[in-house]
């Protein structure tokens, strides 16, 4: 399509003869241009988040407290069982100690039989307090 046909002026001789055609706004004007920042509000508000966080933390502290009660009860049960066993274990250890002490005194008497004035079983220390012998003296398996 030629320019003459577009402007509906057939037989033009010069471009200067063409009528001016300028673009303008449509009738009623253009639609308003959106230039403001419009961010959609997604998710809960700050107050809702704070309240939810407080609730979750409170629930967590409650659960920790309940777990502490359970652990405390289990620990007390374990210690009660140990307290019940201590007398039996101590009696067994005392019995073992008496047997080893007799062997120790017999060995001391055999070794020191030629030493005049030696008293078997008497402490060489003069502290006035009874001290159990060192473990290694009565437990050769520990050496």
N, C-alpha and C. Protein backbone atom coordinates (compact mmCIF):
# COMPACT_ATOMS: atom_id res chain seq x y z
N UNK A 1 0.82 -1.15 0.00
CA UNK A 1 0.00 0.00 0.00
C UNK A 1 0.90 1.25 0.00
N UNK A 2 0.53 2.16 -0.81
CA UNK A 2 1.36 3.36 -0.93
C UNK A 2 0.89 4.42 0.05
N UNK A 3 1.75 5.42 0.22
CA UNK A 3 1.44 6.50 1.14
C UNK A 3 0.22 7.29 0.66
N UNK A 4 0.06 7.44 -0.61
CA UNK A 4 -1.07 8.19 -1.15
C UNK A 4 -2.37 7.48 -0.84
N UNK A 5 -2.35 6.20 -0.89
CA UNK A 5 -3.56 5.46 -0.57
C UNK A 5 -3.87 5.51 0.91
N UNK A 6 -2.83 5.53 1.72
CA UNK A 6 -3.05 5.57 3.17
C UNK A 6 -3.66 6.91 3.55
N UNK A 7 -3.19 7.98 2.98
CA UNK A 7 -3.66 9.31 3.35
C UNK A 7 -4.87 9.74 2.52
N UNK A 8 -5.30 8.90 1.64
CA UNK A 8 -6.47 9.14 0.80
C UNK A 8 -6.32 10.45 -0.04
N UNK A 9 -5.16 10.63 -0.54
CA UNK A 9 -4.90 11.78 -1.42
C UNK A 9 -4.20 11.27 -2.66
N UNK A 10 -4.92 10.81 -3.63
CA UNK A 10 -4.23 10.32 -4.81
C UNK A 10 -3.66 11.46 -5.65
N UNK A 11 -2.61 11.19 -6.26
CA UNK A 11 -2.00 12.13 -7.18
C UNK A 11 -1.23 13.24 -6.50
N UNK A 12 -0.64 12.97 -5.33
CA UNK A 12 0.15 14.00 -4.66
C UNK A 12 1.46 14.16 -5.40
N UNK A 13 1.91 15.37 -5.44
CA UNK A 13 3.17 15.61 -6.10
C UNK A 13 4.32 15.77 -5.13
N UNK A 14 4.03 16.14 -3.90
CA UNK A 14 5.11 16.38 -2.95
C UNK A 14 4.67 15.90 -1.56
N UNK A 15 5.64 15.65 -0.79
CA UNK A 15 5.37 15.21 0.58
C UNK A 15 4.83 16.40 1.38
N UNK A 16 5.18 17.59 0.99
CA UNK A 16 4.74 18.76 1.73
C UNK A 16 3.24 18.98 1.60
N UNK A 17 2.66 18.41 0.58
CA UNK A 17 1.23 18.57 0.39
C UNK A 17 0.42 17.63 1.29
N UNK A 18 1.14 16.69 1.92
CA UNK A 18 0.42 15.72 2.75
C UNK A 18 -0.08 16.41 4.02
N UNK A 19 -1.31 16.08 4.41
CA UNK A 19 -1.81 16.66 5.67
C UNK A 19 -1.07 16.06 6.85
N UNK A 20 -0.92 16.87 7.91
CA UNK A 20 -0.25 16.37 9.12
C UNK A 20 -1.17 15.38 9.83
N UNK A 21 -0.59 14.30 10.23
CA UNK A 21 -1.35 13.29 10.98
C UNK A 21 -0.56 12.99 12.24
N UNK A 22 -1.04 13.41 13.39
CA UNK A 22 -0.30 13.24 14.64
C UNK A 22 -1.09 12.33 15.56
N UNK A 23 -0.31 11.46 16.23
CA UNK A 23 -0.96 10.55 17.20
C UNK A 23 -1.35 11.35 18.44
N UNK A 24 -2.43 11.01 19.03
CA UNK A 24 -2.89 11.65 20.26
C UNK A 24 -3.48 10.61 21.19
N UNK A 25 -3.91 11.04 22.30
CA UNK A 25 -4.50 10.09 23.25
C UNK A 25 -5.86 9.63 22.77
N UNK A 26 -6.26 8.48 23.17
CA UNK A 26 -7.59 8.03 22.79
C UNK A 26 -8.64 8.88 23.49
N UNK A 27 -9.85 8.86 22.95
CA UNK A 27 -10.89 9.64 23.61
C UNK A 27 -11.09 9.18 25.05
N UNK A 28 -11.15 10.07 25.96
CA UNK A 28 -11.29 9.72 27.38
C UNK A 28 -9.95 9.59 28.07
N UNK A 29 -8.86 9.62 27.32
CA UNK A 29 -7.52 9.55 27.90
C UNK A 29 -7.04 8.12 28.11
N UNK A 30 -5.74 8.05 28.43
CA UNK A 30 -5.14 6.74 28.71
C UNK A 30 -5.52 6.27 30.11
N UNK A 31 -5.42 4.98 30.30
CA UNK A 31 -5.64 4.42 31.64
C UNK A 31 -4.50 4.88 32.55
N UNK A 32 -4.77 5.06 33.83
CA UNK A 32 -3.70 5.53 34.72
C UNK A 32 -2.54 4.53 34.77
N UNK A 33 -1.34 5.07 34.85
CA UNK A 33 -0.14 4.24 34.91
C UNK A 33 0.10 3.82 36.36
N UNK A 34 0.29 2.54 36.56
CA UNK A 34 0.54 2.04 37.92
C UNK A 34 2.03 2.15 38.21
N UNK A 35 2.39 3.05 39.08
CA UNK A 35 3.80 3.20 39.41
C UNK A 35 4.09 2.94 40.88
N UNK A 36 3.06 2.86 41.71
CA UNK A 36 3.27 2.61 43.13
C UNK A 36 3.66 1.14 43.34
N UNK A 37 4.45 0.91 44.38
CA UNK A 37 4.89 -0.45 44.68
C UNK A 37 3.77 -1.16 45.43
N UNK A 38 3.25 -2.18 44.81
CA UNK A 38 2.15 -2.92 45.43
C UNK A 38 2.59 -4.35 45.68
N UNK A 39 2.99 -4.62 46.92
CA UNK A 39 3.44 -5.96 47.28
C UNK A 39 2.26 -6.67 47.95
N UNK A 40 1.93 -7.83 47.45
CA UNK A 40 0.79 -8.53 48.07
C UNK A 40 1.17 -8.99 49.48
N UNK A 41 0.23 -8.92 50.38
CA UNK A 41 0.49 -9.36 51.76
C UNK A 41 0.26 -10.87 51.82
N UNK A 42 1.35 -11.60 51.87
CA UNK A 42 1.27 -13.05 51.93
C UNK A 42 1.65 -13.50 53.33
N UNK A 43 0.98 -14.46 53.85
CA UNK A 43 1.34 -15.03 55.14
C UNK A 43 0.73 -14.28 56.31
N UNK A 44 1.01 -14.79 57.52
CA UNK A 44 0.42 -14.19 58.73
C UNK A 44 1.11 -12.88 59.10
N UNK A 45 0.47 -12.15 59.96
CA UNK A 45 1.02 -10.87 60.39
C UNK A 45 2.16 -11.11 61.40
N UNK A 46 2.88 -10.07 61.73
CA UNK A 46 3.99 -10.17 62.67
C UNK A 46 3.49 -10.59 64.05
N UNK A 47 2.35 -10.05 64.46
CA UNK A 47 1.80 -10.41 65.77
C UNK A 47 1.46 -11.89 65.82
N UNK A 48 0.90 -12.41 64.75
CA UNK A 48 0.56 -13.84 64.71
C UNK A 48 1.81 -14.69 64.78
N UNK A 49 2.87 -14.26 64.11
CA UNK A 49 4.13 -15.02 64.15
C UNK A 49 4.71 -15.01 65.56
N UNK A 50 4.70 -13.85 66.23
CA UNK A 50 5.23 -13.75 67.59
C UNK A 50 4.43 -14.62 68.55
N UNK A 51 3.11 -14.58 68.43
CA UNK A 51 2.26 -15.41 69.31
C UNK A 51 2.51 -16.89 69.05
N UNK A 52 2.62 -17.28 67.79
CA UNK A 52 2.89 -18.69 67.46
C UNK A 52 4.26 -19.12 67.99
N UNK A 53 5.27 -18.26 67.84
CA UNK A 53 6.60 -18.59 68.35
C UNK A 53 6.58 -18.75 69.86
N UNK A 54 5.89 -17.85 70.54
CA UNK A 54 5.78 -17.95 72.00
C UNK A 54 5.09 -19.26 72.40
N UNK A 55 4.04 -19.63 71.67
CA UNK A 55 3.35 -20.88 71.97
C UNK A 55 4.24 -22.10 71.76
N UNK A 56 5.00 -22.10 70.66
CA UNK A 56 5.88 -23.24 70.38
C UNK A 56 6.98 -23.34 71.43
N UNK A 57 7.56 -22.20 71.80
CA UNK A 57 8.63 -22.21 72.81
C UNK A 57 8.07 -22.66 74.16
N UNK A 58 6.88 -22.19 74.52
CA UNK A 58 6.27 -22.61 75.78
C UNK A 58 6.01 -24.11 75.79
N UNK A 59 5.50 -24.62 74.70
CA UNK A 59 5.25 -26.06 74.61
C UNK A 59 6.56 -26.83 74.72
N UNK A 60 7.63 -26.33 74.10
CA UNK A 60 8.94 -26.98 74.18
C UNK A 60 9.46 -27.01 75.61
N UNK A 61 9.33 -25.89 76.33
CA UNK A 61 9.77 -25.87 77.73
C UNK A 61 8.96 -26.86 78.56
N UNK A 62 7.67 -26.95 78.30
CA UNK A 62 6.84 -27.90 79.03
C UNK A 62 7.32 -29.34 78.77
N UNK A 63 7.61 -29.65 77.51
CA UNK A 63 8.08 -30.99 77.17
C UNK A 63 9.43 -31.30 77.84
N UNK A 64 10.31 -30.30 77.88
CA UNK A 64 11.60 -30.50 78.56
C UNK A 64 11.37 -30.79 80.03
N UNK A 65 10.46 -30.06 80.66
CA UNK A 65 10.15 -30.30 82.07
C UNK A 65 9.60 -31.69 82.30
N UNK A 66 8.72 -32.15 81.41
CA UNK A 66 8.18 -33.50 81.57
C UNK A 66 9.28 -34.55 81.40
N UNK A 67 10.16 -34.32 80.42
CA UNK A 67 11.28 -35.24 80.23
C UNK A 67 12.20 -35.26 81.44
N UNK A 68 12.42 -34.09 82.07
CA UNK A 68 13.26 -34.03 83.26
C UNK A 68 12.64 -34.83 84.40
N UNK A 69 11.32 -34.76 84.55
CA UNK A 69 10.66 -35.54 85.60
C UNK A 69 10.86 -37.04 85.37
N UNK A 70 10.71 -37.47 84.13
CA UNK A 70 10.88 -38.89 83.81
C UNK A 70 12.32 -39.32 84.06
N UNK A 71 13.29 -38.51 83.58
CA UNK A 71 14.70 -38.86 83.79
C UNK A 71 15.06 -38.89 85.28
N UNK A 72 14.50 -37.95 86.04
CA UNK A 72 14.76 -37.92 87.48
C UNK A 72 14.22 -39.18 88.15
N UNK A 73 13.04 -39.62 87.76
CA UNK A 73 12.45 -40.83 88.33
C UNK A 73 13.30 -42.06 87.98
N UNK A 74 13.77 -42.13 86.72
CA UNK A 74 14.61 -43.27 86.32
C UNK A 74 15.93 -43.27 87.08
N UNK A 75 16.51 -42.09 87.25
CA UNK A 75 17.77 -41.99 87.97
C UNK A 75 17.59 -42.40 89.44
N UNK A 76 16.49 -41.96 90.05
CA UNK A 76 16.23 -42.33 91.43
C UNK A 76 16.03 -43.84 91.56
N UNK A 77 15.37 -44.43 90.58
CA UNK A 77 15.19 -45.89 90.60
C UNK A 77 16.53 -46.60 90.51
N UNK A 78 17.40 -46.10 89.64
CA UNK A 78 18.73 -46.71 89.50
C UNK A 78 19.52 -46.59 90.80
N UNK A 79 19.47 -45.40 91.43
CA UNK A 79 20.22 -45.21 92.68
C UNK A 79 19.63 -46.05 93.81
N UNK A 80 18.31 -46.21 93.82
CA UNK A 80 17.68 -47.04 94.85
C UNK A 80 18.14 -48.50 94.70
N UNK A 81 18.23 -48.97 93.46
CA UNK A 81 18.71 -50.33 93.23
C UNK A 81 20.16 -50.47 93.68
N UNK A 82 20.97 -49.47 93.41
CA UNK A 82 22.37 -49.51 93.85
C UNK A 82 22.47 -49.50 95.37
N UNK A 83 21.63 -48.64 96.02
CA UNK A 83 21.66 -48.59 97.49
C UNK A 83 21.24 -49.93 98.08
N UNK A 84 20.35 -50.64 97.41
CA UNK A 84 19.92 -51.94 97.91
C UNK A 84 21.03 -52.98 97.76
N UNK A 85 21.88 -52.84 96.74
CA UNK A 85 22.94 -53.82 96.50
C UNK A 85 24.20 -53.56 97.30
N UNK A 86 24.41 -52.36 97.77
CA UNK A 86 25.66 -52.02 98.45
C UNK A 86 25.93 -52.91 99.65
N UNK A 87 24.97 -53.20 100.55
CA UNK A 87 25.28 -54.07 101.70
C UNK A 87 25.72 -55.47 101.28
N UNK A 88 25.09 -56.01 100.24
CA UNK A 88 25.47 -57.36 99.77
C UNK A 88 26.89 -57.33 99.21
N UNK A 89 27.19 -56.34 98.38
CA UNK A 89 28.53 -56.24 97.81
C UNK A 89 29.58 -55.99 98.89
N UNK A 90 29.24 -55.17 99.89
CA UNK A 90 30.19 -54.90 100.97
C UNK A 90 30.43 -56.16 101.80
N UNK A 91 29.40 -56.95 102.03
CA UNK A 91 29.57 -58.20 102.78
C UNK A 91 30.47 -59.17 102.01
N UNK A 92 30.29 -59.26 100.70
CA UNK A 92 31.17 -60.11 99.90
C UNK A 92 32.61 -59.63 99.95
N UNK A 93 32.80 -58.33 99.87
CA UNK A 93 34.16 -57.78 99.93
C UNK A 93 34.78 -58.00 101.30
N UNK A 94 33.99 -57.86 102.37
CA UNK A 94 34.51 -58.12 103.72
C UNK A 94 34.93 -59.56 103.87
N UNK A 95 34.13 -60.47 103.35
CA UNK A 95 34.47 -61.90 103.42
C UNK A 95 35.76 -62.19 102.68
N UNK A 96 35.90 -61.60 101.47
CA UNK A 96 37.13 -61.78 100.71
C UNK A 96 38.32 -61.19 101.46
N UNK A 97 38.12 -60.03 102.09
CA UNK A 97 39.20 -59.37 102.81
C UNK A 97 39.67 -60.23 104.00
N UNK A 98 38.74 -60.81 104.74
CA UNK A 98 39.11 -61.63 105.90
C UNK A 98 39.93 -62.84 105.47
N UNK A 99 39.53 -63.49 104.38
CA UNK A 99 40.30 -64.63 103.89
C UNK A 99 41.70 -64.21 103.47
N UNK A 100 41.80 -63.12 102.73
CA UNK A 100 43.11 -62.64 102.29
C UNK A 100 43.95 -62.18 103.49
N UNK A 101 43.31 -61.55 104.47
CA UNK A 101 44.04 -61.08 105.65
C UNK A 101 44.64 -62.25 106.43
N UNK A 102 43.89 -63.34 106.53
CA UNK A 102 44.43 -64.53 107.21
C UNK A 102 45.64 -65.08 106.46
N UNK A 103 45.55 -65.15 105.14
CA UNK A 103 46.68 -65.59 104.34
C UNK A 103 47.87 -64.66 104.53
N UNK A 104 47.57 -63.37 104.56
CA UNK A 104 48.63 -62.36 104.72
C UNK A 104 49.33 -62.54 106.07
N UNK A 105 48.55 -62.76 107.15
CA UNK A 105 49.16 -62.93 108.47
C UNK A 105 49.98 -64.22 108.55
N UNK A 106 49.49 -65.28 107.92
CA UNK A 106 50.25 -66.54 107.91
C UNK A 106 51.57 -66.35 107.17
N UNK A 107 51.52 -65.65 106.05
CA UNK A 107 52.74 -65.40 105.28
C UNK A 107 53.71 -64.51 106.08
N UNK A 108 53.17 -63.52 106.78
CA UNK A 108 54.01 -62.65 107.59
C UNK A 108 54.67 -63.43 108.73
N UNK A 109 53.89 -64.32 109.36
CA UNK A 109 54.44 -65.14 110.45
C UNK A 109 55.54 -66.05 109.92
N UNK A 110 55.35 -66.62 108.74
CA UNK A 110 56.36 -67.52 108.18
C UNK A 110 57.65 -66.75 107.84
N UNK A 111 57.48 -65.57 107.27
CA UNK A 111 58.67 -64.82 106.86
C UNK A 111 59.42 -64.25 108.07
N UNK A 112 58.69 -63.75 109.08
CA UNK A 112 59.31 -63.06 110.20
C UNK A 112 59.53 -63.96 111.42
N UNK A 113 59.47 -65.29 111.26
CA UNK A 113 59.61 -66.18 112.42
C UNK A 113 60.98 -66.08 113.09
N UNK A 114 62.02 -65.73 112.39
CA UNK A 114 63.37 -65.66 112.97
C UNK A 114 63.70 -64.28 113.52
N UNK A 115 62.80 -63.30 113.42
CA UNK A 115 63.06 -61.95 113.92
C UNK A 115 62.57 -61.87 115.37
N UNK A 116 63.51 -61.64 116.35
CA UNK A 116 63.07 -61.58 117.75
C UNK A 116 62.22 -60.33 118.01
N UNK A 117 61.15 -60.46 118.79
CA UNK A 117 60.30 -59.35 119.18
C UNK A 117 59.28 -58.92 118.13
N UNK A 118 59.23 -59.62 117.03
CA UNK A 118 58.27 -59.26 115.97
C UNK A 118 56.89 -59.77 116.34
N UNK A 119 55.91 -58.90 116.29
CA UNK A 119 54.52 -59.30 116.57
C UNK A 119 53.76 -59.33 115.25
N UNK A 120 53.24 -60.50 114.95
CA UNK A 120 52.52 -60.69 113.68
C UNK A 120 51.22 -59.89 113.71
N UNK A 121 50.99 -59.15 112.63
CA UNK A 121 49.74 -58.40 112.48
C UNK A 121 49.79 -57.02 113.11
N UNK A 122 50.84 -56.70 113.81
CA UNK A 122 50.93 -55.38 114.44
C UNK A 122 51.40 -54.36 113.41
N UNK A 123 50.83 -53.19 113.48
CA UNK A 123 51.17 -52.15 112.50
C UNK A 123 52.57 -51.61 112.78
N UNK A 124 53.29 -51.31 111.73
CA UNK A 124 54.62 -50.72 111.89
C UNK A 124 54.52 -49.21 112.11
N UNK A 125 53.35 -48.66 111.96
CA UNK A 125 53.12 -47.23 112.18
C UNK A 125 52.50 -47.04 113.56
N UNK A 126 52.82 -45.95 114.22
CA UNK A 126 52.31 -45.69 115.57
C UNK A 126 51.30 -44.54 115.55
N UNK A 127 50.33 -44.62 114.67
CA UNK A 127 49.35 -43.54 114.57
C UNK A 127 48.17 -43.75 115.50
N UNK A 128 47.93 -44.97 115.96
CA UNK A 128 46.80 -45.25 116.82
C UNK A 128 45.51 -45.50 116.06
N UNK A 129 45.52 -45.35 114.75
CA UNK A 129 44.33 -45.60 113.93
C UNK A 129 44.57 -46.83 113.07
N UNK A 130 43.51 -47.61 112.87
CA UNK A 130 43.63 -48.77 111.98
C UNK A 130 43.49 -48.31 110.55
N UNK A 131 44.41 -48.71 109.74
CA UNK A 131 44.37 -48.40 108.32
C UNK A 131 44.37 -49.72 107.56
N UNK A 132 43.46 -49.90 106.63
CA UNK A 132 43.49 -51.13 105.85
C UNK A 132 44.78 -51.20 105.05
N UNK A 133 45.28 -52.40 104.83
CA UNK A 133 46.52 -52.51 104.05
C UNK A 133 46.29 -52.04 102.61
N UNK A 134 47.37 -51.71 101.95
CA UNK A 134 47.28 -51.30 100.57
C UNK A 134 46.69 -52.43 99.75
N UNK A 135 45.96 -52.08 98.73
CA UNK A 135 45.27 -53.09 97.93
C UNK A 135 46.25 -54.09 97.34
N UNK A 136 47.40 -53.63 96.94
CA UNK A 136 48.33 -54.54 96.27
C UNK A 136 48.87 -55.60 97.23
N UNK A 137 48.82 -55.35 98.54
CA UNK A 137 49.31 -56.36 99.48
C UNK A 137 48.38 -57.56 99.53
N UNK A 138 47.10 -57.33 99.42
CA UNK A 138 46.15 -58.43 99.54
C UNK A 138 45.56 -58.86 98.19
N UNK A 139 45.92 -58.18 97.13
CA UNK A 139 45.40 -58.53 95.82
C UNK A 139 46.54 -58.70 94.83
N UNK A 140 47.25 -59.83 94.88
CA UNK A 140 48.36 -60.01 93.96
C UNK A 140 47.91 -60.02 92.49
N UNK A 141 46.63 -60.30 92.23
CA UNK A 141 46.15 -60.30 90.85
C UNK A 141 46.08 -58.88 90.27
N UNK A 142 46.16 -57.86 91.13
CA UNK A 142 46.10 -56.49 90.68
C UNK A 142 47.48 -55.97 90.29
N UNK A 143 48.51 -56.59 90.77
CA UNK A 143 49.89 -56.11 90.51
C UNK A 143 50.07 -55.86 89.06
